N, C-alpha and C. Protein backbone atom coordinates (compact mmCIF):
# COMPACT_ATOMS: atom_id res chain seq x y z
N UNK A 1 36.43 10.55 2.21
CA UNK A 1 35.09 10.06 1.85
C UNK A 1 34.15 10.24 3.03
N UNK A 2 32.91 10.59 2.74
CA UNK A 2 31.90 10.79 3.78
C UNK A 2 31.56 9.47 4.45
N UNK A 3 31.74 9.41 5.79
CA UNK A 3 31.44 8.18 6.52
C UNK A 3 30.05 8.23 7.15
N UNK A 4 29.27 9.29 6.91
CA UNK A 4 27.94 9.39 7.47
C UNK A 4 27.01 8.39 6.79
N UNK A 5 26.14 7.75 7.55
CA UNK A 5 25.24 6.76 6.94
C UNK A 5 24.31 7.38 5.91
N UNK A 6 24.04 6.64 4.89
CA UNK A 6 23.04 7.00 3.89
C UNK A 6 21.64 6.81 4.48
N UNK A 7 21.56 5.83 5.41
CA UNK A 7 20.30 5.49 6.07
C UNK A 7 20.64 4.88 7.41
N UNK A 8 19.91 5.25 8.44
CA UNK A 8 20.18 4.71 9.78
C UNK A 8 18.89 4.76 10.58
N UNK A 9 18.22 3.60 10.70
CA UNK A 9 16.91 3.59 11.34
C UNK A 9 16.60 2.20 11.87
N UNK A 10 16.14 2.14 13.12
CA UNK A 10 15.66 0.89 13.72
C UNK A 10 16.68 -0.25 13.62
N UNK A 11 17.95 0.06 13.83
CA UNK A 11 18.97 -0.97 13.84
C UNK A 11 19.51 -1.37 12.47
N UNK A 12 19.05 -0.71 11.42
CA UNK A 12 19.52 -0.99 10.07
C UNK A 12 20.27 0.23 9.55
N UNK A 13 21.52 0.03 9.12
CA UNK A 13 22.36 1.12 8.66
C UNK A 13 22.90 0.84 7.26
N UNK A 14 22.84 1.85 6.41
CA UNK A 14 23.37 1.74 5.05
C UNK A 14 24.43 2.82 4.84
N UNK A 15 25.57 2.41 4.28
CA UNK A 15 26.60 3.36 3.87
C UNK A 15 26.72 3.32 2.35
N UNK A 16 26.76 4.49 1.75
CA UNK A 16 26.97 4.59 0.31
C UNK A 16 28.46 4.84 0.07
N UNK A 17 29.12 3.90 -0.57
CA UNK A 17 30.54 4.07 -0.85
C UNK A 17 31.21 2.74 -1.10
N UNK A 18 32.51 2.79 -1.26
CA UNK A 18 33.33 1.61 -1.50
C UNK A 18 33.60 0.93 -0.16
N UNK A 19 33.25 -0.34 -0.04
CA UNK A 19 33.43 -1.02 1.25
C UNK A 19 34.88 -1.07 1.68
N UNK A 20 35.82 -1.01 0.73
CA UNK A 20 37.23 -1.03 1.09
C UNK A 20 37.62 0.22 1.87
N UNK A 21 36.91 1.32 1.62
CA UNK A 21 37.18 2.56 2.34
C UNK A 21 36.35 2.67 3.62
N UNK A 22 35.17 2.08 3.64
CA UNK A 22 34.26 2.24 4.76
C UNK A 22 34.51 1.23 5.88
N UNK A 23 34.87 0.00 5.53
CA UNK A 23 35.04 -1.04 6.54
C UNK A 23 36.06 -0.67 7.63
N UNK A 24 37.21 -0.07 7.28
CA UNK A 24 38.17 0.26 8.34
C UNK A 24 37.64 1.23 9.38
N UNK A 25 36.59 1.98 9.04
CA UNK A 25 36.04 2.96 9.99
C UNK A 25 35.01 2.36 10.94
N UNK A 26 34.64 1.08 10.73
CA UNK A 26 33.65 0.45 11.60
C UNK A 26 34.28 0.07 12.94
N UNK A 27 33.54 0.28 14.03
CA UNK A 27 34.08 -0.05 15.35
C UNK A 27 34.37 -1.54 15.48
N UNK A 28 35.36 -1.88 16.31
CA UNK A 28 35.66 -3.28 16.58
C UNK A 28 34.46 -3.96 17.23
N UNK A 29 34.25 -5.22 16.93
CA UNK A 29 33.18 -6.05 17.50
C UNK A 29 31.79 -5.50 17.20
N UNK A 30 31.65 -4.76 16.10
CA UNK A 30 30.34 -4.24 15.72
C UNK A 30 29.59 -5.19 14.79
N UNK A 31 30.25 -6.28 14.38
CA UNK A 31 29.68 -7.22 13.42
C UNK A 31 29.84 -8.65 13.93
N UNK A 32 28.79 -9.47 13.75
CA UNK A 32 28.85 -10.87 14.16
C UNK A 32 28.84 -11.83 12.98
N UNK A 33 28.40 -11.37 11.81
CA UNK A 33 28.27 -12.24 10.65
C UNK A 33 28.43 -11.44 9.36
N UNK A 34 29.15 -12.02 8.39
CA UNK A 34 29.16 -11.51 7.03
C UNK A 34 28.21 -12.38 6.20
N UNK A 35 27.27 -11.75 5.53
CA UNK A 35 26.39 -12.45 4.59
C UNK A 35 26.33 -11.59 3.34
N UNK A 36 26.94 -12.08 2.25
CA UNK A 36 27.09 -11.21 1.10
C UNK A 36 27.13 -11.97 -0.21
N UNK A 37 26.80 -11.26 -1.25
CA UNK A 37 26.82 -11.77 -2.63
C UNK A 37 27.73 -10.82 -3.42
N UNK A 38 29.04 -11.04 -3.37
CA UNK A 38 29.97 -10.07 -3.97
C UNK A 38 29.95 -10.15 -5.49
N UNK A 39 30.47 -9.14 -6.16
CA UNK A 39 30.62 -9.21 -7.62
C UNK A 39 31.48 -10.41 -7.98
N UNK A 40 30.98 -11.28 -8.84
CA UNK A 40 31.71 -12.48 -9.20
C UNK A 40 32.87 -12.15 -10.12
N UNK A 41 33.99 -12.80 -9.91
CA UNK A 41 35.16 -12.57 -10.74
C UNK A 41 34.83 -12.90 -12.19
N UNK A 42 35.29 -12.05 -13.09
CA UNK A 42 35.03 -12.25 -14.50
C UNK A 42 33.74 -11.64 -15.00
N UNK A 43 32.96 -11.00 -14.11
CA UNK A 43 31.72 -10.37 -14.54
C UNK A 43 31.86 -8.85 -14.57
N UNK A 44 32.92 -8.39 -15.21
CA UNK A 44 33.14 -6.96 -15.35
C UNK A 44 32.06 -6.31 -16.22
N UNK A 45 31.28 -7.14 -16.93
CA UNK A 45 30.17 -6.58 -17.70
C UNK A 45 29.09 -6.02 -16.79
N UNK A 46 29.05 -6.51 -15.53
CA UNK A 46 28.06 -6.03 -14.57
C UNK A 46 28.68 -5.17 -13.48
N UNK A 47 29.84 -5.59 -12.97
CA UNK A 47 30.47 -4.90 -11.84
C UNK A 47 31.98 -4.89 -12.01
N UNK A 48 32.62 -3.94 -11.36
CA UNK A 48 34.07 -3.99 -11.25
C UNK A 48 34.41 -5.03 -10.18
N UNK A 49 35.28 -5.97 -10.51
CA UNK A 49 35.60 -7.04 -9.56
C UNK A 49 37.01 -6.95 -9.01
N UNK A 50 37.63 -5.83 -9.21
CA UNK A 50 39.00 -5.62 -8.72
C UNK A 50 39.04 -5.80 -7.20
N UNK A 51 39.97 -6.59 -6.73
CA UNK A 51 40.24 -6.79 -5.31
C UNK A 51 39.15 -7.54 -4.56
N UNK A 52 38.11 -8.04 -5.23
CA UNK A 52 37.03 -8.72 -4.52
C UNK A 52 37.54 -9.97 -3.80
N UNK A 53 38.31 -10.79 -4.50
CA UNK A 53 38.79 -12.03 -3.90
C UNK A 53 39.62 -11.75 -2.67
N UNK A 54 40.53 -10.79 -2.75
CA UNK A 54 41.39 -10.46 -1.61
C UNK A 54 40.57 -9.97 -0.43
N UNK A 55 39.59 -9.10 -0.70
CA UNK A 55 38.77 -8.56 0.39
C UNK A 55 37.97 -9.66 1.07
N UNK A 56 37.37 -10.55 0.30
CA UNK A 56 36.60 -11.64 0.90
C UNK A 56 37.50 -12.53 1.74
N UNK A 57 38.71 -12.80 1.26
CA UNK A 57 39.65 -13.63 2.02
C UNK A 57 39.98 -12.99 3.37
N UNK A 58 40.11 -11.67 3.39
CA UNK A 58 40.38 -10.97 4.65
C UNK A 58 39.18 -11.06 5.58
N UNK A 59 37.99 -10.82 5.05
CA UNK A 59 36.78 -10.79 5.88
C UNK A 59 36.48 -12.15 6.49
N UNK A 60 36.59 -13.22 5.69
CA UNK A 60 36.25 -14.55 6.23
C UNK A 60 37.31 -15.04 7.20
N UNK A 61 38.46 -14.39 7.21
CA UNK A 61 39.48 -14.71 8.21
C UNK A 61 39.19 -14.07 9.55
N UNK A 62 38.23 -13.13 9.57
CA UNK A 62 37.89 -12.41 10.79
C UNK A 62 36.52 -12.80 11.34
N UNK A 63 35.53 -12.95 10.45
CA UNK A 63 34.14 -13.15 10.86
C UNK A 63 33.58 -14.48 10.34
N UNK A 64 32.61 -15.04 11.07
CA UNK A 64 31.79 -16.10 10.46
C UNK A 64 31.12 -15.52 9.21
N UNK A 65 30.92 -16.34 8.18
CA UNK A 65 30.42 -15.77 6.93
C UNK A 65 29.69 -16.79 6.08
N UNK A 66 28.66 -16.29 5.38
CA UNK A 66 28.06 -16.95 4.24
C UNK A 66 28.37 -16.08 3.02
N UNK A 67 29.02 -16.66 2.01
CA UNK A 67 29.40 -15.89 0.83
C UNK A 67 28.90 -16.61 -0.42
N UNK A 68 28.04 -15.96 -1.18
CA UNK A 68 27.60 -16.52 -2.46
C UNK A 68 28.76 -16.48 -3.44
N UNK A 69 28.89 -17.58 -4.22
CA UNK A 69 30.03 -17.69 -5.13
C UNK A 69 29.59 -18.49 -6.36
N UNK A 70 30.14 -18.20 -7.53
CA UNK A 70 29.71 -18.92 -8.74
C UNK A 70 30.06 -20.40 -8.68
N UNK A 71 29.44 -21.17 -9.58
CA UNK A 71 29.61 -22.63 -9.53
C UNK A 71 30.97 -23.09 -10.04
N UNK A 72 31.74 -22.21 -10.63
CA UNK A 72 33.07 -22.59 -11.09
C UNK A 72 34.05 -21.46 -10.78
N UNK A 73 35.33 -21.77 -10.81
CA UNK A 73 36.34 -20.76 -10.55
C UNK A 73 36.90 -20.86 -9.14
N UNK A 74 37.98 -20.15 -8.93
CA UNK A 74 38.70 -20.16 -7.66
C UNK A 74 37.82 -19.62 -6.54
N UNK A 75 37.92 -20.22 -5.36
CA UNK A 75 37.17 -19.74 -4.21
C UNK A 75 38.12 -19.06 -3.22
N UNK A 76 37.59 -18.10 -2.45
CA UNK A 76 38.44 -17.40 -1.47
C UNK A 76 38.63 -18.25 -0.22
N UNK A 77 39.87 -18.53 0.11
CA UNK A 77 40.20 -19.35 1.28
C UNK A 77 39.52 -20.72 1.18
N UNK A 78 39.60 -21.51 2.23
CA UNK A 78 38.99 -22.84 2.24
C UNK A 78 37.80 -22.82 3.20
N UNK A 79 36.59 -22.92 2.69
CA UNK A 79 35.41 -22.86 3.57
C UNK A 79 35.26 -24.12 4.41
N UNK A 80 34.53 -24.01 5.50
CA UNK A 80 34.23 -25.17 6.33
C UNK A 80 33.14 -26.02 5.70
N UNK A 81 32.29 -25.40 4.90
CA UNK A 81 31.23 -26.11 4.18
C UNK A 81 30.92 -25.35 2.91
N UNK A 82 30.44 -26.08 1.91
CA UNK A 82 29.98 -25.46 0.67
C UNK A 82 28.54 -25.89 0.44
N UNK A 83 27.62 -24.95 0.65
CA UNK A 83 26.22 -25.22 0.40
C UNK A 83 25.93 -24.97 -1.08
N UNK A 84 24.84 -25.54 -1.56
CA UNK A 84 24.43 -25.35 -2.95
C UNK A 84 23.08 -24.66 -2.99
N UNK A 85 23.00 -23.58 -3.73
CA UNK A 85 21.72 -22.96 -4.03
C UNK A 85 21.26 -23.48 -5.39
N UNK A 86 20.30 -24.40 -5.38
CA UNK A 86 19.71 -24.90 -6.61
C UNK A 86 18.58 -23.95 -7.00
N UNK A 87 18.73 -23.29 -8.13
CA UNK A 87 17.82 -22.18 -8.46
C UNK A 87 16.41 -22.62 -8.82
N UNK A 88 16.26 -23.85 -9.28
CA UNK A 88 14.92 -24.39 -9.52
C UNK A 88 14.05 -23.46 -10.36
N UNK A 89 14.62 -22.95 -11.44
CA UNK A 89 13.90 -22.01 -12.29
C UNK A 89 13.41 -22.73 -13.54
N UNK A 90 12.14 -22.57 -13.89
CA UNK A 90 11.66 -23.21 -15.12
C UNK A 90 12.33 -22.61 -16.34
N UNK A 91 12.48 -23.41 -17.39
CA UNK A 91 13.09 -22.92 -18.62
C UNK A 91 12.10 -22.06 -19.39
N UNK A 92 12.50 -20.88 -19.71
CA UNK A 92 11.64 -19.97 -20.46
C UNK A 92 11.42 -20.52 -21.86
N UNK A 93 10.18 -20.50 -22.37
CA UNK A 93 9.91 -21.10 -23.68
C UNK A 93 10.69 -20.48 -24.83
N UNK A 94 11.16 -19.23 -24.67
CA UNK A 94 11.90 -18.57 -25.74
C UNK A 94 13.41 -18.51 -25.45
N UNK A 95 13.85 -19.20 -24.40
CA UNK A 95 15.27 -19.17 -24.05
C UNK A 95 16.07 -20.08 -24.98
N UNK A 96 17.20 -19.58 -25.45
CA UNK A 96 18.08 -20.38 -26.30
C UNK A 96 19.25 -20.94 -25.50
N UNK A 97 19.31 -20.62 -24.21
CA UNK A 97 20.42 -21.07 -23.38
C UNK A 97 19.96 -22.04 -22.29
N UNK A 98 18.68 -22.40 -22.30
CA UNK A 98 18.18 -23.28 -21.25
C UNK A 98 17.68 -22.47 -20.08
N UNK A 99 18.29 -22.67 -18.92
CA UNK A 99 17.88 -21.96 -17.72
C UNK A 99 18.19 -20.47 -17.86
N UNK A 100 17.15 -19.64 -17.80
CA UNK A 100 17.36 -18.21 -17.99
C UNK A 100 18.14 -17.58 -16.85
N UNK A 101 18.27 -18.29 -15.74
CA UNK A 101 19.06 -17.77 -14.62
C UNK A 101 20.54 -18.05 -14.79
N UNK A 102 20.95 -18.55 -15.96
CA UNK A 102 22.34 -18.89 -16.17
C UNK A 102 22.60 -20.29 -15.68
N UNK A 103 23.59 -20.48 -14.82
CA UNK A 103 23.85 -21.80 -14.24
C UNK A 103 22.70 -22.20 -13.32
N UNK A 104 22.45 -23.49 -13.24
CA UNK A 104 21.36 -23.99 -12.41
C UNK A 104 21.64 -23.88 -10.92
N UNK A 105 22.89 -23.64 -10.56
CA UNK A 105 23.20 -23.53 -9.13
C UNK A 105 24.34 -22.55 -8.90
N UNK A 106 24.43 -22.11 -7.66
CA UNK A 106 25.57 -21.33 -7.18
C UNK A 106 26.00 -21.92 -5.85
N UNK A 107 27.23 -21.65 -5.48
CA UNK A 107 27.74 -22.11 -4.19
C UNK A 107 27.53 -21.04 -3.13
N UNK A 108 27.30 -21.49 -1.92
CA UNK A 108 27.27 -20.59 -0.76
C UNK A 108 28.37 -21.08 0.17
N UNK A 109 29.45 -20.34 0.22
CA UNK A 109 30.60 -20.73 1.04
C UNK A 109 30.35 -20.36 2.49
N UNK A 110 30.56 -21.31 3.39
CA UNK A 110 30.32 -21.08 4.81
C UNK A 110 31.62 -21.16 5.59
N UNK A 111 31.87 -20.16 6.40
CA UNK A 111 33.07 -20.08 7.21
C UNK A 111 32.69 -19.96 8.69
N UNK A 112 33.20 -20.88 9.52
CA UNK A 112 32.95 -20.88 10.97
C UNK A 112 31.47 -21.03 11.28
N UNK A 113 30.73 -21.71 10.43
CA UNK A 113 29.29 -21.88 10.62
C UNK A 113 28.87 -23.34 10.46
N UNK A 114 29.76 -24.23 10.83
CA UNK A 114 29.47 -25.66 10.75
C UNK A 114 30.03 -26.28 9.48
N UNK A 115 30.23 -27.61 9.54
CA UNK A 115 30.88 -28.32 8.43
C UNK A 115 29.90 -29.10 7.57
N UNK A 116 28.62 -29.08 7.90
CA UNK A 116 27.64 -29.83 7.13
C UNK A 116 27.17 -29.02 5.92
N UNK A 117 27.27 -29.61 4.74
CA UNK A 117 26.83 -28.94 3.51
C UNK A 117 25.38 -29.32 3.20
N UNK A 118 24.63 -28.37 2.64
CA UNK A 118 23.23 -28.59 2.34
C UNK A 118 22.89 -28.05 0.95
N UNK A 119 21.72 -28.44 0.46
CA UNK A 119 21.19 -27.91 -0.79
C UNK A 119 19.94 -27.09 -0.47
N UNK A 120 19.91 -25.86 -0.95
CA UNK A 120 18.77 -24.98 -0.76
C UNK A 120 18.09 -24.78 -2.11
N UNK A 121 16.82 -25.11 -2.19
CA UNK A 121 16.09 -24.99 -3.45
C UNK A 121 15.15 -23.79 -3.40
N UNK A 122 15.55 -22.73 -4.05
CA UNK A 122 14.74 -21.51 -4.15
C UNK A 122 14.86 -20.98 -5.57
N UNK A 123 13.74 -20.61 -6.15
CA UNK A 123 13.76 -20.09 -7.51
C UNK A 123 14.54 -18.78 -7.57
N UNK A 124 15.29 -18.59 -8.64
CA UNK A 124 16.02 -17.34 -8.85
C UNK A 124 15.04 -16.21 -9.12
N UNK A 125 15.48 -15.00 -8.87
CA UNK A 125 14.66 -13.82 -9.14
C UNK A 125 14.91 -13.39 -10.59
N UNK A 126 13.93 -13.58 -11.44
CA UNK A 126 14.06 -13.29 -12.86
C UNK A 126 13.04 -12.23 -13.27
N UNK A 127 13.48 -11.07 -13.76
CA UNK A 127 12.54 -10.04 -14.21
C UNK A 127 11.57 -10.60 -15.26
N UNK A 128 10.29 -10.29 -15.08
CA UNK A 128 9.29 -10.72 -16.03
C UNK A 128 8.61 -12.03 -15.68
N UNK A 129 9.13 -12.74 -14.64
CA UNK A 129 8.52 -13.99 -14.22
C UNK A 129 7.46 -13.69 -13.17
N UNK A 130 6.25 -14.14 -13.38
CA UNK A 130 5.14 -13.86 -12.47
C UNK A 130 5.43 -14.39 -11.07
N UNK A 131 6.08 -15.55 -10.98
CA UNK A 131 6.31 -16.19 -9.68
C UNK A 131 7.13 -15.33 -8.73
N UNK A 132 8.00 -14.49 -9.26
CA UNK A 132 8.85 -13.67 -8.39
C UNK A 132 8.56 -12.19 -8.53
N UNK A 133 7.44 -11.84 -9.16
CA UNK A 133 7.14 -10.43 -9.43
C UNK A 133 7.02 -9.61 -8.16
N UNK A 134 6.53 -10.24 -7.09
CA UNK A 134 6.29 -9.50 -5.85
C UNK A 134 7.57 -8.93 -5.26
N UNK A 135 8.67 -9.66 -5.36
CA UNK A 135 9.90 -9.17 -4.72
C UNK A 135 10.95 -8.67 -5.71
N UNK A 136 10.70 -8.78 -7.00
CA UNK A 136 11.70 -8.39 -7.99
C UNK A 136 11.88 -6.88 -8.04
N UNK A 137 13.13 -6.43 -7.97
CA UNK A 137 13.46 -5.01 -8.12
C UNK A 137 14.51 -4.88 -9.22
N UNK A 138 14.92 -3.66 -9.50
CA UNK A 138 15.85 -3.43 -10.59
C UNK A 138 17.29 -3.64 -10.14
N UNK A 139 17.68 -4.92 -10.10
CA UNK A 139 19.06 -5.28 -9.78
C UNK A 139 19.37 -6.56 -10.54
N UNK A 140 20.53 -6.66 -11.19
CA UNK A 140 20.79 -7.81 -12.07
C UNK A 140 21.02 -9.13 -11.38
N UNK A 141 21.37 -9.13 -10.09
CA UNK A 141 21.68 -10.40 -9.41
C UNK A 141 20.97 -10.50 -8.06
N UNK A 142 19.74 -10.07 -7.99
CA UNK A 142 18.98 -10.11 -6.74
C UNK A 142 18.79 -11.54 -6.26
N UNK A 143 18.93 -11.75 -4.96
CA UNK A 143 18.77 -13.07 -4.36
C UNK A 143 17.39 -13.19 -3.68
N UNK A 144 16.85 -14.42 -3.60
CA UNK A 144 15.53 -14.62 -2.99
C UNK A 144 15.51 -14.26 -1.51
N UNK A 145 14.51 -13.53 -1.09
CA UNK A 145 14.40 -13.10 0.30
C UNK A 145 14.33 -14.29 1.25
N UNK A 146 13.57 -15.32 0.90
CA UNK A 146 13.44 -16.46 1.80
C UNK A 146 14.76 -17.21 1.97
N UNK A 147 15.56 -17.28 0.92
CA UNK A 147 16.86 -17.93 1.02
C UNK A 147 17.78 -17.15 1.95
N UNK A 148 17.85 -15.85 1.76
CA UNK A 148 18.69 -15.01 2.62
C UNK A 148 18.20 -15.09 4.06
N UNK A 149 16.88 -15.06 4.24
CA UNK A 149 16.32 -15.16 5.58
C UNK A 149 16.68 -16.45 6.27
N UNK A 150 16.70 -17.55 5.52
CA UNK A 150 17.05 -18.84 6.10
C UNK A 150 18.48 -18.82 6.62
N UNK A 151 19.38 -18.18 5.88
CA UNK A 151 20.77 -18.08 6.31
C UNK A 151 20.91 -17.18 7.54
N UNK A 152 20.19 -16.08 7.54
CA UNK A 152 20.23 -15.17 8.70
C UNK A 152 19.74 -15.89 9.95
N UNK A 153 18.69 -16.69 9.82
CA UNK A 153 18.12 -17.39 10.97
C UNK A 153 19.09 -18.37 11.62
N UNK A 154 20.09 -18.80 10.90
CA UNK A 154 21.04 -19.78 11.44
C UNK A 154 22.16 -19.12 12.24
N UNK A 155 22.08 -17.83 12.41
CA UNK A 155 23.16 -17.08 13.05
C UNK A 155 22.60 -16.19 14.15
N UNK A 156 23.43 -15.33 14.67
CA UNK A 156 22.99 -14.40 15.71
C UNK A 156 23.67 -13.06 15.49
N UNK A 157 23.17 -12.04 16.18
CA UNK A 157 23.84 -10.75 16.23
C UNK A 157 23.69 -9.91 14.97
N UNK A 158 24.61 -8.97 14.81
CA UNK A 158 24.56 -7.99 13.74
C UNK A 158 25.15 -8.55 12.45
N UNK A 159 24.42 -8.36 11.35
CA UNK A 159 24.81 -8.88 10.04
C UNK A 159 25.41 -7.75 9.21
N UNK A 160 26.50 -8.04 8.54
CA UNK A 160 27.13 -7.08 7.62
C UNK A 160 27.10 -7.62 6.20
N UNK A 161 26.61 -6.79 5.28
CA UNK A 161 26.69 -7.12 3.85
C UNK A 161 27.49 -6.01 3.17
N UNK A 162 28.78 -6.25 2.90
CA UNK A 162 29.62 -5.20 2.31
C UNK A 162 29.36 -4.97 0.83
N UNK A 163 28.59 -5.85 0.19
CA UNK A 163 28.18 -5.68 -1.21
C UNK A 163 26.65 -5.76 -1.24
N UNK A 164 26.01 -4.76 -0.68
CA UNK A 164 24.60 -4.83 -0.31
C UNK A 164 23.65 -4.98 -1.49
N UNK A 165 23.98 -4.39 -2.65
CA UNK A 165 23.07 -4.44 -3.78
C UNK A 165 21.73 -3.81 -3.44
N UNK A 166 20.64 -4.52 -3.74
CA UNK A 166 19.30 -3.96 -3.53
C UNK A 166 18.81 -4.13 -2.10
N UNK A 167 19.64 -4.68 -1.21
CA UNK A 167 19.32 -4.68 0.21
C UNK A 167 18.58 -5.89 0.75
N UNK A 168 18.61 -7.01 0.04
CA UNK A 168 17.86 -8.18 0.50
C UNK A 168 18.33 -8.67 1.87
N UNK A 169 19.64 -8.65 2.12
CA UNK A 169 20.15 -9.06 3.43
C UNK A 169 19.58 -8.19 4.53
N UNK A 170 19.51 -6.89 4.30
CA UNK A 170 19.00 -5.97 5.31
C UNK A 170 17.50 -6.14 5.50
N UNK A 171 16.77 -6.38 4.43
CA UNK A 171 15.33 -6.61 4.54
C UNK A 171 15.06 -7.86 5.36
N UNK A 172 15.80 -8.94 5.08
CA UNK A 172 15.64 -10.18 5.85
C UNK A 172 15.95 -9.94 7.32
N UNK A 173 17.04 -9.23 7.59
CA UNK A 173 17.42 -8.95 8.98
C UNK A 173 16.33 -8.15 9.69
N UNK A 174 15.79 -7.17 9.02
CA UNK A 174 14.73 -6.34 9.62
C UNK A 174 13.49 -7.18 9.93
N UNK A 175 13.10 -8.03 8.99
CA UNK A 175 11.93 -8.88 9.21
C UNK A 175 12.13 -9.85 10.35
N UNK A 176 13.38 -10.21 10.63
CA UNK A 176 13.68 -11.16 11.69
C UNK A 176 14.14 -10.48 12.98
N UNK A 177 14.01 -9.17 13.04
CA UNK A 177 14.33 -8.45 14.26
C UNK A 177 15.81 -8.37 14.56
N UNK A 178 16.64 -8.36 13.51
CA UNK A 178 18.09 -8.33 13.67
C UNK A 178 18.66 -6.98 13.24
N UNK A 179 19.80 -6.62 13.79
CA UNK A 179 20.52 -5.44 13.34
C UNK A 179 21.35 -5.80 12.12
N UNK A 180 21.54 -4.83 11.24
CA UNK A 180 22.31 -5.11 10.02
C UNK A 180 22.96 -3.84 9.50
N UNK A 181 24.09 -4.05 8.80
CA UNK A 181 24.82 -2.95 8.16
C UNK A 181 25.03 -3.33 6.70
N UNK A 182 24.72 -2.42 5.82
CA UNK A 182 24.94 -2.65 4.40
C UNK A 182 25.82 -1.58 3.80
N UNK A 183 26.69 -1.96 2.88
CA UNK A 183 27.56 -1.01 2.18
C UNK A 183 27.37 -1.23 0.69
N UNK A 184 27.15 -0.15 -0.04
CA UNK A 184 26.89 -0.27 -1.48
C UNK A 184 27.50 0.93 -2.22
N UNK A 185 28.23 0.63 -3.28
CA UNK A 185 28.95 1.67 -4.02
C UNK A 185 28.05 2.42 -4.99
N UNK A 186 26.93 1.79 -5.41
CA UNK A 186 26.01 2.42 -6.36
C UNK A 186 24.86 3.08 -5.60
N UNK A 187 24.73 4.39 -5.75
CA UNK A 187 23.69 5.12 -5.01
C UNK A 187 22.28 4.65 -5.39
N UNK A 188 22.08 4.28 -6.65
CA UNK A 188 20.73 3.86 -7.06
C UNK A 188 20.29 2.62 -6.31
N UNK A 189 21.23 1.73 -5.96
CA UNK A 189 20.85 0.55 -5.21
C UNK A 189 20.63 0.87 -3.73
N UNK A 190 21.35 1.85 -3.21
CA UNK A 190 21.07 2.33 -1.85
C UNK A 190 19.64 2.85 -1.77
N UNK A 191 19.22 3.58 -2.78
CA UNK A 191 17.87 4.13 -2.81
C UNK A 191 16.82 3.03 -2.89
N UNK A 192 17.09 2.00 -3.69
CA UNK A 192 16.17 0.87 -3.77
C UNK A 192 16.06 0.16 -2.42
N UNK A 193 17.21 -0.04 -1.76
CA UNK A 193 17.21 -0.70 -0.46
C UNK A 193 16.40 0.08 0.56
N UNK A 194 16.56 1.39 0.58
CA UNK A 194 15.81 2.23 1.52
C UNK A 194 14.30 2.10 1.26
N UNK A 195 13.90 2.12 0.02
CA UNK A 195 12.47 1.98 -0.31
C UNK A 195 11.94 0.63 0.17
N UNK A 196 12.74 -0.42 0.01
CA UNK A 196 12.31 -1.75 0.46
C UNK A 196 12.19 -1.79 1.99
N UNK A 197 13.13 -1.19 2.68
CA UNK A 197 13.09 -1.18 4.14
C UNK A 197 11.91 -0.36 4.66
N UNK A 198 11.66 0.77 4.03
CA UNK A 198 10.54 1.60 4.45
C UNK A 198 9.21 0.91 4.18
N UNK A 199 9.14 0.15 3.11
CA UNK A 199 7.93 -0.62 2.82
C UNK A 199 7.68 -1.65 3.91
N UNK A 200 8.75 -2.30 4.37
CA UNK A 200 8.62 -3.25 5.46
C UNK A 200 8.13 -2.55 6.72
N UNK A 201 8.69 -1.38 7.01
CA UNK A 201 8.29 -0.64 8.20
C UNK A 201 6.81 -0.29 8.16
N UNK A 202 6.34 0.13 7.00
CA UNK A 202 4.93 0.51 6.88
C UNK A 202 4.00 -0.69 7.00
N UNK A 203 4.42 -1.82 6.46
CA UNK A 203 3.52 -2.98 6.44
C UNK A 203 3.54 -3.79 7.72
N UNK A 204 4.66 -3.78 8.45
CA UNK A 204 4.79 -4.61 9.63
C UNK A 204 4.88 -3.83 10.93
N UNK A 205 5.22 -2.58 10.89
CA UNK A 205 5.51 -1.86 12.12
C UNK A 205 6.91 -2.20 12.59
N UNK A 206 7.24 -1.84 13.80
CA UNK A 206 8.61 -1.98 14.30
C UNK A 206 8.77 -3.08 15.35
N UNK A 207 7.68 -3.69 15.80
CA UNK A 207 7.79 -4.69 16.86
C UNK A 207 7.95 -6.08 16.28
N UNK A 208 9.12 -6.33 15.72
CA UNK A 208 9.41 -7.61 15.10
C UNK A 208 10.27 -8.45 16.05
N UNK A 209 9.98 -9.73 16.12
CA UNK A 209 10.69 -10.63 17.01
C UNK A 209 11.36 -11.73 16.20
N UNK A 210 12.61 -12.02 16.50
CA UNK A 210 13.34 -13.06 15.82
C UNK A 210 12.67 -14.42 16.03
N UNK A 211 12.39 -15.13 14.95
CA UNK A 211 11.79 -16.45 15.03
C UNK A 211 12.89 -17.51 15.06
N UNK A 212 12.69 -18.56 15.85
CA UNK A 212 13.65 -19.66 15.90
C UNK A 212 13.32 -20.74 14.90
N UNK A 213 12.15 -20.68 14.29
CA UNK A 213 11.73 -21.68 13.33
C UNK A 213 11.83 -21.13 11.92
N UNK A 214 12.13 -21.99 10.91
CA UNK A 214 12.16 -21.53 9.53
C UNK A 214 10.80 -20.99 9.12
N UNK A 215 10.80 -19.83 8.48
CA UNK A 215 9.55 -19.23 8.04
C UNK A 215 9.74 -18.67 6.64
N UNK A 216 8.63 -18.42 5.98
CA UNK A 216 8.67 -17.70 4.72
C UNK A 216 8.54 -16.22 5.02
N UNK A 217 9.56 -15.45 4.69
CA UNK A 217 9.51 -14.02 4.96
C UNK A 217 8.45 -13.34 4.12
N UNK A 218 8.29 -13.81 2.88
CA UNK A 218 7.23 -13.25 2.05
C UNK A 218 5.88 -13.58 2.67
N UNK A 219 5.74 -14.79 3.21
CA UNK A 219 4.50 -15.17 3.85
C UNK A 219 4.24 -14.35 5.10
N UNK A 220 5.30 -14.04 5.85
CA UNK A 220 5.16 -13.21 7.04
C UNK A 220 4.63 -11.84 6.67
N UNK A 221 5.16 -11.27 5.59
CA UNK A 221 4.70 -9.95 5.14
C UNK A 221 3.22 -9.98 4.79
N UNK A 222 2.78 -11.06 4.13
CA UNK A 222 1.39 -11.16 3.72
C UNK A 222 0.47 -11.29 4.92
N UNK A 223 0.89 -12.12 5.92
CA UNK A 223 0.03 -12.37 7.07
C UNK A 223 -0.17 -11.12 7.91
N UNK A 224 0.87 -10.30 8.00
CA UNK A 224 0.76 -9.09 8.82
C UNK A 224 -0.04 -8.00 8.10
């Protein structure tokens, strides 16, 4: 398999391929944090979930990590803390299932990042909702940029997202002046991530400094 980056610019690197094949080729000590939203077990309608649980268990045994996980079902290893992402999404007037984002919350499993659990209230990214139209892209499980940014801000060093999707982790890292590596098996999502990163480069330039205070990344983009 080709190990050449799909994208490599200003400290942000994207690999197109299966993370199970690409991760072994990464240099030792090249990563300080795992921050990822892996394919949830049982959602083969959206993604292949073969070996996801095993891979996450291996990764969190090596690196500090934030891992998004569904509100029910077996979790990989025993986390030091379980944060809650409360989606805070209004009920669509034509929805027959209540919250259009599915469950009202998801878990964020934390490994080697403190034992205090918290609740994060950020609206889910729902196609067609005006409130999230600015950041919504074509991905079925996109996470809010400000939520990902808040998690990145609590850590240091290079961030790895082995299930990169549309690249929100990398966009947050770039906005906060951090290095990041993303791996994605679907080329169309690699292309979306590159477009998002290039948009950030055009709107902000390259002289970004890591902030120590919580900020709105969307607000930062607007102010610049």
